Amino acid sequence: MHQLTYGDIKAATGRIAGRVRPVTLSRLDPGAIRGDRPEEPCEMWLALEFMQHTGSFKARGAQNFVQAHRDAGTLPDSGVTIASGGNAGLACAWAARQQGVRATVFLPGTAPAVKVDRLRGYGADVRLVGSEYAEALAACEDFAAATGALASHAYDHPLIAAGAGTLLEEIHRRIPDLDTVVVAVGGGGLFAGVATAARHHGIRTVAVEPENCRALDAALKAGHLVDVTVDSVASDSLGARRASAMALHAARQDGVRSVLVPDTGIVRARQALWDDQRIAVEHAAATAFAALTSPGQHIPGRGYRPEAGEKVCVVLCGANTDPTDLVNRPAGH
């Protein structure tokens, strides 16, 4: 299996330059971090990657994937295909449209109409198959085999992960003395890319997962990739049953810390981002922030407590969410 390298990320950085939105960074008042620790002076930044095309970091990997195949002359006339109704599907459809090729996206028939409409808005040919994701995935694989379409993946591909890693390159250029980057983990594409680039620059990576959606943490504890049950408020984006081999390899390197946060902390962090910063993000993005705000940071593996003087950047990775539950809370909440 191809192990992700810093060279892969540098190549991706050049490949997608000018094709994605540069990340916006926002300095955060440390007083906004309402954890269970006494206030300690540290420098806190938010990477507002939810402002990326399609509303998530996935646009980086998708653009790198499609552009690399175009550069290599391996982008077929039948275009690209993916089974995903989430952020990866949107990003694939967007990147394909940017390159002027067809995207065929497979979804279960139970997919919400709003997702189908958004995909079609990006020009995708949407195929509804069966009632479960596994059926849509099988149909996608059959389609690729029959038509020669290029099959993409939500996270488990070196070009996808390398594209995601370009985010850290941009953050490092803006904050060259950054100590720590905090990032949510699902299947591990974003984490693998960010951690690989961060290690090159001597930056610590904190990998954050929901307690009941912990494919990477479980793999680290088992010593190999394992399947986990998925039951979290953030499982729509972080609900991978198994992490990628690239993510496990990256997590085993020096300078990486794996932590878990409870769903209650994720919900509270998401609400705090809205109440205090007027930032509306999906639960996956709030998962990273929850590592700094949830009670229990003093317990190993339960959140992250910065040291005095530490420079920390939290990646807010996506905002494809319904914000009505943030702004229409019952009185007294």
Protein backbone atom coordinates (compact mmCIF):
# COMPACT_ATOMS: atom_id res chain seq x y z
CA MET A 1 0.00 0.00 0.00
CA HIS A 2 1.22 3.51 -0.78
CA GLN A 3 2.27 5.27 2.42
CA LEU A 4 1.55 8.96 2.29
CA THR A 5 4.65 11.17 2.18
CA TYR A 6 5.30 14.87 2.53
CA GLY A 7 6.30 14.83 -1.14
CA ASP A 8 2.75 13.75 -2.01
CA ILE A 9 1.39 16.78 -0.16
CA LYS A 10 3.84 19.20 -1.77
CA ALA A 11 2.83 17.85 -5.19
CA ALA A 12 -0.84 18.28 -4.31
CA THR A 13 -0.21 21.84 -3.10
CA GLY A 14 1.16 22.83 -6.48
CA ARG A 15 -1.46 20.85 -8.38
CA ILE A 16 -4.52 22.48 -6.80
CA ALA A 17 -3.09 25.99 -6.38
CA GLY A 18 -5.65 28.53 -7.57
CA ARG A 19 -8.36 25.85 -7.78
CA VAL A 20 -9.45 25.88 -4.12
CA ARG A 21 -10.11 28.68 -1.66
CA PRO A 22 -7.19 29.49 0.64
CA VAL A 23 -8.12 28.72 4.24
CA THR A 24 -9.27 31.60 6.42
CA LEU A 25 -7.74 31.71 9.91
CA SER A 26 -9.39 33.43 12.85
CA ARG A 27 -7.70 34.25 16.17
CA LEU A 28 -9.82 33.08 19.10
CA ASP A 29 -9.92 34.66 22.53
CA PRO A 30 -8.64 31.93 24.89
CA GLY A 31 -11.38 32.99 27.31
CA ALA A 32 -13.84 31.40 24.89
CA ILE A 33 -12.41 27.97 25.72
CA ARG A 34 -14.72 26.89 28.50
CA GLY A 35 -13.22 23.67 29.73
CA ASP A 36 -12.58 22.45 33.25
CA ARG A 37 -9.11 23.99 33.57
CA PRO A 38 -7.96 27.28 35.03
CA GLU A 39 -7.29 29.86 32.38
CA GLU A 40 -3.78 29.56 30.98
CA PRO A 41 -2.35 31.92 28.39
CA CYS A 42 -2.22 30.17 25.03
CA GLU A 43 -2.73 31.29 21.46
CA MET A 44 -5.79 29.78 19.81
CA TRP A 45 -6.68 29.83 16.12
CA LEU A 46 -9.61 28.45 14.14
CA ALA A 47 -9.07 27.24 10.57
CA LEU A 48 -12.37 28.07 8.88
CA GLU A 49 -12.19 25.35 6.26
CA PHE A 50 -15.98 25.07 6.20
CA MET A 51 -15.76 28.11 3.88
CA GLN A 52 -14.12 25.88 1.26
CA HIS A 53 -15.93 25.06 -2.00
CA THR A 54 -18.82 22.61 -1.36
CA GLY A 55 -18.70 23.46 2.36
CA SER A 56 -15.89 21.15 3.46
CA PHE A 57 -12.20 20.26 3.13
CA LYS A 58 -13.18 17.41 0.80
CA ALA A 59 -12.91 19.76 -2.18
CA ARG A 60 -9.11 19.69 -1.79
CA GLY A 61 -8.76 15.93 -2.12
CA ALA A 62 -11.31 15.68 -4.92
CA GLN A 63 -9.61 18.41 -6.93
CA ASN A 64 -6.20 16.78 -6.44
CA PHE A 65 -7.58 13.37 -7.45
CA VAL A 66 -9.20 14.58 -10.66
CA GLN A 67 -6.39 16.97 -11.62
CA ALA A 68 -3.68 14.33 -11.06
CA HIS A 69 -5.48 11.90 -13.35
CA ARG A 70 -5.98 14.61 -15.97
CA ASP A 71 -2.28 15.48 -15.82
CA ALA A 72 -1.37 11.80 -16.19
CA GLY A 73 -3.78 11.28 -19.09
CA THR A 74 -5.75 8.70 -17.09
CA LEU A 75 -9.01 10.60 -16.78
CA PRO A 76 -11.46 8.55 -18.89
CA ASP A 77 -14.18 9.91 -21.14
CA SER A 78 -16.70 8.21 -18.86
CA GLY A 79 -15.63 10.52 -16.03
CA VAL A 80 -15.50 9.78 -12.33
CA THR A 81 -17.84 7.93 -10.03
CA ILE A 82 -18.32 7.69 -6.28
CA ALA A 83 -20.82 6.29 -3.79
CA SER A 84 -21.44 9.09 -1.30
CA GLY A 85 -24.28 11.42 -0.53
CA GLY A 86 -22.17 13.39 1.90
CA ASN A 87 -19.31 15.83 1.64
CA ALA A 88 -17.18 13.50 -0.51
CA GLY A 89 -19.89 13.11 -3.11
CA LEU A 90 -20.43 16.86 -3.30
CA ALA A 91 -16.70 17.47 -3.63
CA CYS A 92 -16.33 14.82 -6.34
CA ALA A 93 -19.17 16.33 -8.35
CA TRP A 94 -17.75 19.83 -7.95
CA ALA A 95 -14.21 18.83 -8.95
CA ALA A 96 -15.49 16.93 -11.97
CA ARG A 97 -17.45 19.96 -13.10
CA GLN A 98 -14.34 22.13 -12.65
CA GLN A 99 -12.47 19.77 -14.98
CA GLY A 100 -15.33 19.48 -17.46
CA VAL A 101 -15.92 15.76 -16.93
CA ARG A 102 -18.95 13.75 -15.90
CA ALA A 103 -19.54 12.67 -12.30
CA THR A 104 -21.86 9.75 -11.60
CA VAL A 105 -22.81 9.59 -7.92
CA PHE A 106 -24.54 6.58 -6.38
CA LEU A 107 -26.81 6.94 -3.36
CA PRO A 108 -29.28 4.72 -1.56
CA GLY A 109 -32.87 5.46 -2.48
CA THR A 110 -33.40 6.71 1.07
CA ALA A 111 -31.04 9.66 0.55
CA PRO A 112 -32.58 13.01 1.54
CA ALA A 113 -33.90 15.01 -1.40
CA VAL A 114 -31.81 18.01 -0.36
CA LYS A 115 -28.60 15.99 -0.92
CA VAL A 116 -29.78 14.75 -4.28
CA ASP A 117 -30.68 18.30 -5.31
CA ARG A 118 -27.29 19.66 -4.25
CA LEU A 119 -25.46 16.97 -6.19
CA ARG A 120 -27.52 17.64 -9.28
CA GLY A 121 -26.80 21.34 -8.78
CA TYR A 122 -23.12 20.50 -9.27
CA GLY A 123 -24.01 18.70 -12.49
CA ALA A 124 -23.79 15.14 -11.20
CA ASP A 125 -25.68 12.21 -12.68
CA VAL A 126 -27.29 10.86 -9.51
CA ARG A 127 -28.24 7.17 -9.40
CA LEU A 128 -30.47 6.00 -6.53
CA VAL A 129 -29.95 2.30 -5.78
CA GLY A 130 -31.32 0.11 -2.99
CA SER A 131 -31.94 1.26 0.55
CA GLU A 132 -28.45 1.04 2.10
CA TYR A 133 -25.05 2.54 1.36
CA ALA A 134 -23.56 -0.92 0.68
CA GLU A 135 -25.97 -1.40 -2.22
CA ALA A 136 -25.09 1.99 -3.68
CA LEU A 137 -21.38 1.18 -3.34
CA ALA A 138 -21.79 -2.17 -5.12
CA ALA A 139 -23.65 -0.45 -7.95
CA CYS A 140 -20.89 2.17 -8.16
CA GLU A 141 -18.26 -0.55 -8.46
CA ASP A 142 -20.27 -2.33 -11.15
CA PHE A 143 -20.66 0.95 -13.03
CA ALA A 144 -16.92 1.64 -12.92
CA ALA A 145 -16.14 -1.87 -14.17
CA ALA A 146 -18.67 -1.65 -17.00
CA THR A 147 -17.93 1.89 -18.22
CA GLY A 148 -14.30 2.45 -17.28
CA ALA A 149 -15.25 5.41 -15.10
CA LEU A 150 -12.62 6.40 -12.57
CA ALA A 151 -13.72 5.30 -9.09
CA SER A 152 -13.06 7.81 -6.33
CA HIS A 153 -13.23 7.25 -2.57
CA ALA A 154 -14.32 9.39 0.34
CA TYR A 155 -10.99 9.11 2.18
CA ASP A 156 -8.97 5.94 1.52
CA HIS A 157 -6.80 7.06 -1.40
CA PRO A 158 -3.39 8.75 -1.32
CA LEU A 159 -4.41 11.51 -3.73
CA ILE A 160 -7.48 12.28 -1.60
CA ALA A 161 -5.45 12.36 1.63
CA ALA A 162 -2.63 14.39 0.07
CA GLY A 163 -5.13 16.97 -1.13
CA ALA A 164 -6.49 17.25 2.39
CA GLY A 165 -2.95 17.72 3.69
CA THR A 166 -2.59 20.93 1.67
CA LEU A 167 -4.69 22.56 4.37
CA LEU A 168 -1.85 22.20 6.88
CA GLU A 169 0.62 23.65 4.39
CA GLU A 170 -1.51 26.79 4.19
CA ILE A 171 -1.89 26.98 7.97
CA HIS A 172 1.87 26.60 8.45
CA ARG A 173 2.63 29.39 5.98
CA ARG A 174 0.38 31.71 7.99
CA ILE A 175 1.46 30.50 11.46
CA PRO A 176 5.03 29.23 10.99
CA ASP A 177 5.60 28.72 14.73
CA LEU A 178 2.43 26.69 15.28
CA ASP A 179 2.79 24.02 17.96
CA THR A 180 -0.37 21.93 17.59
CA VAL A 181 -3.14 21.26 15.10
CA VAL A 182 -6.40 19.69 16.26
CA VAL A 183 -8.46 17.75 13.72
CA ALA A 184 -11.50 15.47 13.73
CA VAL A 185 -11.12 11.92 12.40
CA GLY A 186 -13.62 9.77 10.50
CA GLY A 187 -12.03 7.41 8.00
CA GLY A 188 -8.81 9.34 8.33
CA GLY A 189 -8.19 11.08 5.01
CA LEU A 190 -7.99 14.58 6.50
CA PHE A 191 -6.06 13.33 9.51
CA ALA A 192 -3.51 11.36 7.44
CA GLY A 193 -2.81 14.33 5.20
CA VAL A 194 -2.64 16.90 7.98
CA ALA A 195 -0.55 14.69 10.30
CA THR A 196 1.94 13.85 7.54
CA ALA A 197 2.47 17.53 6.70
CA ALA A 198 2.49 18.53 10.38
CA ARG A 199 5.19 15.99 11.24
CA HIS A 200 7.41 17.43 8.51
CA HIS A 201 7.10 20.86 10.12
CA GLY A 202 7.52 19.64 13.71
CA ILE A 203 3.89 20.30 14.60
CA ARG A 204 1.93 18.04 16.95
CA THR A 205 -1.38 16.60 15.67
CA VAL A 206 -4.29 15.87 17.98
CA ALA A 207 -6.71 13.37 16.39
CA VAL A 208 -10.21 13.72 17.85
CA GLU A 209 -13.01 11.16 17.58
CA PRO A 210 -16.42 10.75 19.20
CA GLU A 211 -16.41 8.13 21.95
CA ASN A 212 -18.82 5.92 20.01
CA CYS A 213 -17.30 6.51 16.57
CA ARG A 214 -13.63 5.68 17.12
CA ALA A 215 -12.18 3.66 14.25
CA LEU A 216 -8.68 5.15 14.57
CA ASP A 217 -8.46 4.95 18.36
CA ALA A 218 -9.64 1.33 18.26
CA ALA A 219 -7.05 0.46 15.61
CA LEU A 220 -4.28 2.02 17.69
CA LYS A 221 -5.33 0.04 20.75
CA ALA A 222 -5.68 -3.22 18.79
CA GLY A 223 -2.47 -2.74 16.85
CA HIS A 224 -4.25 -3.23 13.53
CA LEU A 225 -7.29 -2.02 11.61
CA VAL A 226 -10.60 -3.13 13.13
CA ASP A 227 -14.28 -2.56 12.46
CA VAL A 228 -16.16 -0.52 15.06
CA THR A 229 -19.79 0.26 15.72
CA VAL A 230 -20.87 3.74 14.74
CA ASP A 231 -23.25 5.61 17.02
CA SER A 232 -22.62 9.34 17.32
CA VAL A 233 -24.27 12.65 16.62
CA ALA A 234 -21.33 13.22 14.25
CA SER A 235 -21.57 9.88 12.46
CA ASP A 236 -22.99 11.43 9.27
CA SER A 237 -19.45 12.69 8.54
CA LEU A 238 -17.24 10.72 10.94
CA GLY A 239 -19.06 7.40 10.71
CA ALA A 240 -16.39 5.23 9.12
CA ARG A 241 -16.51 1.68 10.47
CA ARG A 242 -12.81 1.23 9.71
CA ALA A 243 -9.98 3.74 9.45
CA SER A 244 -7.63 3.75 6.48
CA ALA A 245 -4.23 2.08 6.64
CA MET A 246 -2.71 5.49 5.83
CA ALA A 247 -4.39 6.98 8.91
CA LEU A 248 -3.14 4.21 11.19
CA HIS A 249 0.39 4.61 9.83
CA ALA A 250 0.27 8.37 10.43
CA ALA A 251 -1.15 7.92 13.93
CA ARG A 252 1.75 5.70 14.93
CA GLN A 253 4.31 8.42 14.20
CA ASP A 254 5.86 10.73 16.75
CA GLY A 255 3.93 13.87 17.56
CA VAL A 256 0.42 12.43 17.27
CA ARG A 257 -2.08 12.16 20.09
CA SER A 258 -5.44 10.36 19.84
CA VAL A 259 -8.28 11.58 22.05
CA LEU A 260 -12.00 10.90 22.42
CA VAL A 261 -14.86 13.27 23.24
CA PRO A 262 -18.47 12.51 24.27
CA ASP A 263 -21.44 13.42 22.12
CA THR A 264 -22.62 15.81 24.83
CA GLY A 265 -19.35 17.69 24.45
CA ILE A 266 -19.70 17.79 20.66
CA VAL A 267 -23.20 19.24 20.86
CA ARG A 268 -22.08 21.78 23.47
CA ALA A 269 -19.02 22.79 21.41
CA ARG A 270 -21.10 23.26 18.27
CA GLN A 271 -23.54 25.46 20.16
CA ALA A 272 -20.71 27.46 21.74
CA LEU A 273 -19.21 28.17 18.32
CA TRP A 274 -22.55 29.63 17.29
CA ASP A 275 -23.29 31.48 20.51
CA ASP A 276 -19.84 32.99 20.95
CA GLN A 277 -18.47 33.27 17.39
CA ARG A 278 -21.57 33.10 15.18
CA ILE A 279 -20.02 30.13 13.40
CA ALA A 280 -22.42 27.39 12.26
CA VAL A 281 -20.63 24.10 11.58
CA GLU A 282 -21.56 20.44 11.32
CA HIS A 283 -21.04 18.13 14.28
CA ALA A 284 -17.84 16.72 12.74
CA ALA A 285 -16.20 20.15 12.86
CA ALA A 286 -17.41 20.71 16.41
CA THR A 287 -15.79 17.39 17.38
CA ALA A 288 -12.33 18.94 16.99
CA PHE A 289 -13.31 22.00 19.03
CA ALA A 290 -14.85 19.76 21.70
CA ALA A 291 -11.40 18.38 22.51
CA LEU A 292 -10.57 21.78 24.01
CA THR A 293 -13.91 22.56 25.61
CA SER A 294 -15.27 19.29 27.01
CA PRO A 295 -14.81 18.50 30.72
CA GLY A 296 -12.22 15.86 31.53
CA GLN A 297 -9.24 17.25 29.64
CA HIS A 298 -6.99 16.23 32.53
CA ILE A 299 -7.81 12.55 31.89
CA PRO A 300 -5.41 10.95 29.37
CA GLY A 301 -7.14 10.34 26.04
CA ARG A 302 -10.11 12.55 26.98
CA GLY A 303 -9.73 15.87 25.24
CA TYR A 304 -6.70 18.11 24.94
CA ARG A 305 -5.37 20.72 27.36
CA PRO A 306 -2.88 23.18 25.82
CA GLU A 307 0.20 24.19 27.76
CA ALA A 308 0.87 27.79 28.72
CA GLY A 309 2.14 29.66 25.67
CA GLU A 310 1.19 26.91 23.22
CA LYS A 311 -0.02 27.93 19.77
CA VAL A 312 -2.96 25.75 18.74
CA CYS A 313 -5.06 25.67 15.56
CA VAL A 314 -8.39 23.84 15.48
CA VAL A 315 -9.64 22.76 12.06
CA LEU A 316 -13.34 23.42 11.54
CA CYS A 317 -13.65 21.06 8.61
CA GLY A 318 -17.22 21.41 7.32
CA ALA A 319 -20.53 23.22 7.56
CA ASN A 320 -22.97 21.06 5.62
CA THR A 321 -25.52 21.11 8.39
CA ASP A 322 -29.02 22.32 9.18
CA PRO A 323 -28.41 25.29 11.50
CA THR A 324 -31.99 25.66 12.68
CA ASP A 325 -31.31 23.71 15.86
CA LEU A 326 -28.64 26.29 16.73
CA VAL A 327 -30.78 29.36 16.27
CA ASN A 328 -34.21 28.03 17.24
CA ARG A 329 -33.46 26.62 20.65
CA PRO A 330 -36.32 26.58 23.16
CA ALA A 331 -36.34 29.47 25.61
CA GLY A 332 -34.11 28.85 28.60
CA HIS A 333 -31.63 26.64 26.70
